[in-house]
Amino acid sequence: MFGRSSKHIRVEVFGKTDLGRTRDHNEDRFLVADLTRKAASLQPEVRRHDIGPRGTLLVVADGMGGAAAGELTEEEAAQSERRNIILQALGPDPKVKVDLTHQEVRRGDILVLCSDGLSGQVKKEEIAEIVSAAPDLSTACDRLIALANERGGPDNITVVVARFDGEGLRFSGGGQQEDVGHQVYPLIDTETSTEPVPIYKGSRPPMPNKEKEARKQTRTLVLAVIAVAAALVWYLTRNP
């Protein structure tokens, strides 16, 4: 999210993560970062700031599960048929298709980012209803996490809720239904390339002192020969 408007855009953010009911460890993480002021937080606290030219970064990182999350033992993980499966990777192919989406943010909009510990237990319509009815962002997060736990809490639950305001945003469409959801951000081929760039080999390493001295002596000898030749030419021209 970037503050490209000359008028201010303000964001209020709250994030929280919860272990859930069945996991032994919480692998989820979230991040709220003001990139313009180089300020970031991993703590469950309300943060408010104007979005500057470098933008604001909101991240929810969903843990991978497995033995580290307590889903199975180390011995079971070592024998699992899925132990060598890699779902995504950078490097095997020269180009990677990056999945980017975009969404216009309007004044008063509330954005919810979450792990599947929430979205797997609570429908999006329920999420929207709870967030809209909550008196503040921290209460909205608490209610969403509580509902996911009431329905079993089989996974770590992480939620980041952000509310946007400011003169730099336009108002919503006055009750009209607008496109909200997955909108693919167009990319050209060169923007998705992961082909290696030429390696900078740097400048030549410094020469050893002996090599420098040898070059200096050679240069002196050449200059001496040139001087002798010039003197000889001058003498011959003066004495025909």
Protein backbone atom coordinates (compact mmCIF):
# COMPACT_ATOMS: atom_id res chain seq x y z
CA MET A 1 0.00 0.00 0.00
CA PHE A 2 1.48 3.28 -1.13
CA GLY A 3 0.61 6.86 -0.23
CA ARG A 4 0.83 8.28 -3.75
CA SER A 5 -1.72 11.03 -3.12
CA SER A 6 -0.59 14.49 -2.04
CA LYS A 7 -3.35 14.30 0.58
CA HIS A 8 -2.78 12.17 3.64
CA ILE A 9 -3.91 8.56 3.98
CA ARG A 10 -4.07 7.20 7.50
CA VAL A 11 -4.12 3.57 8.61
CA GLU A 12 -4.91 2.02 11.98
CA VAL A 13 -3.72 -1.57 12.39
CA PHE A 14 -3.97 -4.32 14.98
CA GLY A 15 -2.57 -7.84 14.68
CA LYS A 16 -2.70 -10.90 16.88
CA THR A 17 -1.77 -14.58 16.71
CA ASP A 18 -3.10 -17.50 18.75
CA LEU A 19 -1.95 -21.08 19.29
CA GLY A 20 -5.35 -22.64 18.67
CA ARG A 21 -6.74 -25.70 20.44
CA THR A 22 -4.69 -28.59 19.03
CA ARG A 23 -1.20 -27.37 18.10
CA ASP A 24 1.77 -27.57 20.46
CA HIS A 25 3.63 -24.66 18.85
CA ASN A 26 2.63 -21.46 17.08
CA GLU A 27 4.40 -21.21 13.72
CA ASP A 28 2.36 -18.26 12.45
CA ARG A 29 3.83 -14.76 12.34
CA PHE A 30 2.57 -11.31 11.43
CA LEU A 31 4.26 -7.99 10.69
CA VAL A 32 3.09 -4.38 10.56
CA ALA A 33 5.68 -2.04 9.00
CA ASP A 34 5.76 1.65 8.14
CA LEU A 35 8.34 1.56 5.33
CA THR A 36 8.70 5.33 5.08
CA ARG A 37 9.65 5.79 8.73
CA LYS A 38 11.37 2.40 8.95
CA ALA A 39 9.25 1.32 11.92
CA ALA A 40 7.95 -2.23 12.34
CA SER A 41 6.11 -4.24 14.97
CA LEU A 42 5.50 -7.91 15.68
CA GLN A 43 3.51 -7.17 18.83
CA PRO A 44 -0.29 -7.22 19.38
CA GLU A 45 -0.68 -3.46 19.67
CA VAL A 46 -2.71 -0.82 17.88
CA ARG A 47 -0.55 1.18 15.48
CA ARG A 48 -1.59 4.37 13.69
CA HIS A 49 0.40 6.25 11.07
CA ASP A 50 0.09 8.16 7.82
CA ILE A 51 1.08 6.13 4.78
CA GLY A 52 4.18 7.74 3.30
CA PRO A 53 5.69 7.49 -0.19
CA ARG A 54 7.35 4.15 0.56
CA GLY A 55 4.07 2.62 1.70
CA THR A 56 2.94 0.30 4.47
CA LEU A 57 3.59 -3.44 4.64
CA LEU A 58 1.15 -5.84 6.31
CA VAL A 59 2.15 -9.50 6.43
CA VAL A 60 0.57 -12.71 7.71
CA ALA A 61 2.90 -15.70 7.41
CA ASP A 62 1.16 -19.05 7.84
CA GLY A 63 3.29 -21.79 9.40
CA MET A 64 3.98 -24.95 7.42
CA GLY A 65 2.86 -27.35 10.13
CA GLY A 66 4.47 -30.77 10.39
CA ALA A 67 6.65 -31.95 13.25
CA ALA A 68 7.69 -28.42 14.21
CA ALA A 69 4.04 -27.54 14.83
CA GLY A 70 3.31 -30.71 16.80
CA GLU A 71 1.15 -32.33 14.11
CA LEU A 72 3.31 -35.46 14.16
CA THR A 73 6.46 -36.76 15.79
CA GLU A 74 9.97 -36.46 14.35
CA GLU A 75 9.93 -40.21 13.65
CA GLU A 76 6.61 -39.95 11.79
CA ALA A 77 7.91 -36.99 9.79
CA ALA A 78 11.01 -38.97 8.74
CA GLN A 79 8.79 -41.78 7.39
CA SER A 80 6.11 -39.56 5.82
CA GLU A 81 5.42 -39.93 2.09
CA ARG A 82 5.29 -36.13 1.85
CA ARG A 83 8.68 -35.48 3.47
CA ASN A 84 10.40 -34.58 0.16
CA ILE A 85 7.58 -32.64 -1.51
CA ILE A 86 8.38 -29.02 -2.41
CA LEU A 87 5.32 -27.03 -3.42
CA GLN A 88 7.08 -23.82 -4.50
CA ALA A 89 10.69 -22.91 -5.19
CA LEU A 90 12.84 -20.26 -6.85
CA GLY A 91 15.62 -21.41 -9.15
CA PRO A 92 14.55 -24.60 -10.99
CA ASP A 93 12.97 -22.65 -13.87
CA PRO A 94 14.38 -19.54 -15.57
CA LYS A 95 11.09 -17.70 -15.06
CA VAL A 96 8.54 -17.73 -12.26
CA LYS A 97 4.97 -16.49 -12.54
CA VAL A 98 4.42 -14.21 -9.57
CA ASP A 99 0.87 -14.17 -8.19
CA LEU A 100 0.05 -10.51 -7.50
CA THR A 101 -3.37 -9.00 -6.89
CA HIS A 102 -4.53 -5.43 -6.36
CA GLN A 103 -7.48 -3.75 -4.71
CA GLU A 104 -8.39 -0.08 -4.42
CA VAL A 105 -8.74 1.02 -0.80
CA ARG A 106 -11.47 3.56 -0.02
CA ARG A 107 -12.14 5.79 2.94
CA GLY A 108 -13.46 3.75 5.85
CA ASP A 109 -12.49 0.38 4.35
CA ILE A 110 -11.35 -2.39 6.70
CA LEU A 111 -8.84 -4.93 5.44
CA VAL A 112 -8.52 -8.35 7.09
CA LEU A 113 -5.47 -10.56 6.56
CA CYS A 114 -5.51 -13.97 8.20
CA SER A 115 -4.08 -17.46 8.19
CA ASP A 116 -6.21 -20.47 7.29
CA GLY A 117 -6.59 -21.14 10.99
CA LEU A 118 -9.32 -18.48 10.78
CA SER A 119 -10.55 -18.72 7.18
CA GLY A 120 -10.82 -22.51 7.46
CA GLN A 121 -13.24 -22.26 10.39
CA VAL A 122 -15.06 -18.95 9.82
CA LYS A 123 -16.77 -17.97 6.58
CA LYS A 124 -15.88 -14.67 4.92
CA GLU A 125 -19.42 -13.37 5.46
CA GLU A 126 -19.07 -14.05 9.19
CA ILE A 127 -15.68 -12.34 9.25
CA ALA A 128 -17.15 -9.24 7.59
CA GLU A 129 -20.08 -9.17 10.02
CA ILE A 130 -17.88 -9.51 13.12
CA VAL A 131 -15.40 -6.86 11.99
CA SER A 132 -18.14 -4.40 11.04
CA ALA A 133 -19.90 -4.79 14.40
CA ALA A 134 -16.79 -4.61 16.61
CA PRO A 135 -16.19 -1.29 18.43
CA ASP A 136 -12.44 -1.38 17.69
CA LEU A 137 -9.83 -3.42 15.85
CA SER A 138 -8.47 -5.31 18.86
CA THR A 139 -11.98 -6.46 19.78
CA ALA A 140 -12.53 -7.59 16.19
CA CYS A 141 -9.38 -9.74 16.31
CA ASP A 142 -10.33 -11.22 19.69
CA ARG A 143 -13.82 -12.15 18.51
CA LEU A 144 -12.57 -13.74 15.30
CA ILE A 145 -9.96 -15.82 17.14
CA ALA A 146 -12.48 -16.84 19.79
CA LEU A 147 -14.95 -18.05 17.16
CA ALA A 148 -12.28 -20.10 15.36
CA ASN A 149 -11.35 -21.72 18.68
CA GLU A 150 -15.01 -22.42 19.48
CA ARG A 151 -15.15 -24.39 16.23
CA GLY A 152 -12.22 -26.59 17.17
CA GLY A 153 -9.17 -24.38 16.68
CA PRO A 154 -7.31 -27.09 14.71
CA ASP A 155 -4.60 -24.69 13.53
CA ASN A 156 -2.70 -21.59 14.61
CA ILE A 157 -4.87 -18.50 14.15
CA THR A 158 -3.40 -15.18 13.02
CA VAL A 159 -5.35 -12.03 12.15
CA VAL A 160 -4.31 -8.52 11.07
CA VAL A 161 -7.09 -5.93 10.77
CA ALA A 162 -6.47 -2.49 9.22
CA ARG A 163 -8.82 0.49 8.88
CA PHE A 164 -8.10 3.22 6.29
CA ASP A 165 -9.10 6.86 6.31
CA GLY A 166 -7.94 10.25 5.09
CA GLU A 167 -8.51 12.82 2.38
CA GLY A 168 -6.29 10.90 -0.03
CA LEU A 169 -8.93 8.16 -0.38
CA ARG A 170 -12.21 8.41 -2.23
CA PHE A 171 -15.48 7.44 -0.61
CA SER A 172 -17.12 4.12 -1.41
CA GLY A 173 -19.77 3.92 -4.10
CA GLY A 174 -22.70 5.00 -1.94
CA GLY A 175 -24.28 1.60 -1.51
CA GLN A 176 -23.46 0.33 -4.99
CA GLN A 177 -21.80 -3.07 -5.23
CA GLU A 178 -18.16 -2.71 -6.22
CA ASP A 179 -15.61 -5.28 -7.31
CA VAL A 180 -13.85 -6.59 -4.23
CA GLY A 181 -11.61 -9.61 -4.22
CA HIS A 182 -9.01 -11.26 -6.42
CA GLN A 183 -7.92 -8.89 -9.20
CA VAL A 184 -4.80 -9.97 -11.05
CA TYR A 185 -2.07 -7.35 -11.30
CA PRO A 186 -0.75 -7.33 -14.91
CA LEU A 187 2.94 -8.12 -15.31
CA ILE A 188 5.17 -8.17 -18.36
CA ASP A 189 7.52 -11.10 -18.93
CA THR A 190 10.63 -9.21 -17.87
CA GLU A 191 9.11 -8.50 -14.45
CA THR A 192 8.73 -12.20 -13.66
CA SER A 193 12.17 -13.33 -14.76
CA THR A 194 14.49 -14.97 -12.27
CA GLU A 195 17.31 -15.50 -14.76
CA PRO A 196 20.74 -14.84 -13.20
CA VAL A 197 22.25 -11.42 -13.78
CA PRO A 198 25.90 -11.02 -14.89
CA ILE A 199 28.29 -11.42 -12.01
CA TYR A 200 30.34 -8.37 -11.10
CA LYS A 201 33.92 -9.55 -11.08
CA GLY A 202 35.30 -6.40 -9.52
CA SER A 203 38.46 -4.48 -10.32
CA ARG A 204 41.84 -6.11 -10.84
CA PRO A 205 43.53 -7.18 -7.62
CA PRO A 206 46.49 -5.07 -6.48
CA MET A 207 49.80 -6.12 -8.02
CA PRO A 208 52.59 -7.42 -5.78
CA ASN A 209 55.36 -4.95 -4.99
CA LYS A 210 57.90 -6.90 -7.07
CA GLU A 211 55.71 -6.67 -10.16
CA LYS A 212 55.20 -2.96 -9.61
CA GLU A 213 58.95 -2.42 -9.24
CA ALA A 214 59.68 -4.38 -12.43
CA ARG A 215 57.18 -2.29 -14.39
CA LYS A 216 58.71 0.90 -12.99
CA GLN A 217 62.21 -0.17 -14.06
CA THR A 218 60.97 -1.08 -17.56
CA ARG A 219 59.29 2.31 -17.91
CA THR A 220 62.49 4.09 -16.82
CA LEU A 221 64.57 2.12 -19.35
CA VAL A 222 62.17 2.95 -22.19
CA LEU A 223 62.30 6.65 -21.32
CA ALA A 224 66.11 6.54 -21.25
CA VAL A 225 66.26 4.92 -24.71
CA ILE A 226 63.89 7.55 -26.08
CA ALA A 227 66.03 10.32 -24.59
CA VAL A 228 69.23 8.88 -26.16
CA ALA A 229 67.53 8.53 -29.54
CA ALA A 230 66.28 12.11 -29.38
CA ALA A 231 69.77 13.38 -28.49
CA LEU A 232 71.30 11.43 -31.39
CA VAL A 233 68.79 12.84 -33.86
CA TRP A 234 69.47 16.37 -32.60
CA TYR A 235 73.25 15.89 -32.96
CA LEU A 236 73.00 14.55 -36.51
CA THR A 237 70.75 17.40 -37.62
CA ARG A 238 73.14 20.00 -36.18
CA ASN A 239 76.24 18.38 -37.75
CA PRO A 240 75.43 17.28 -41.32
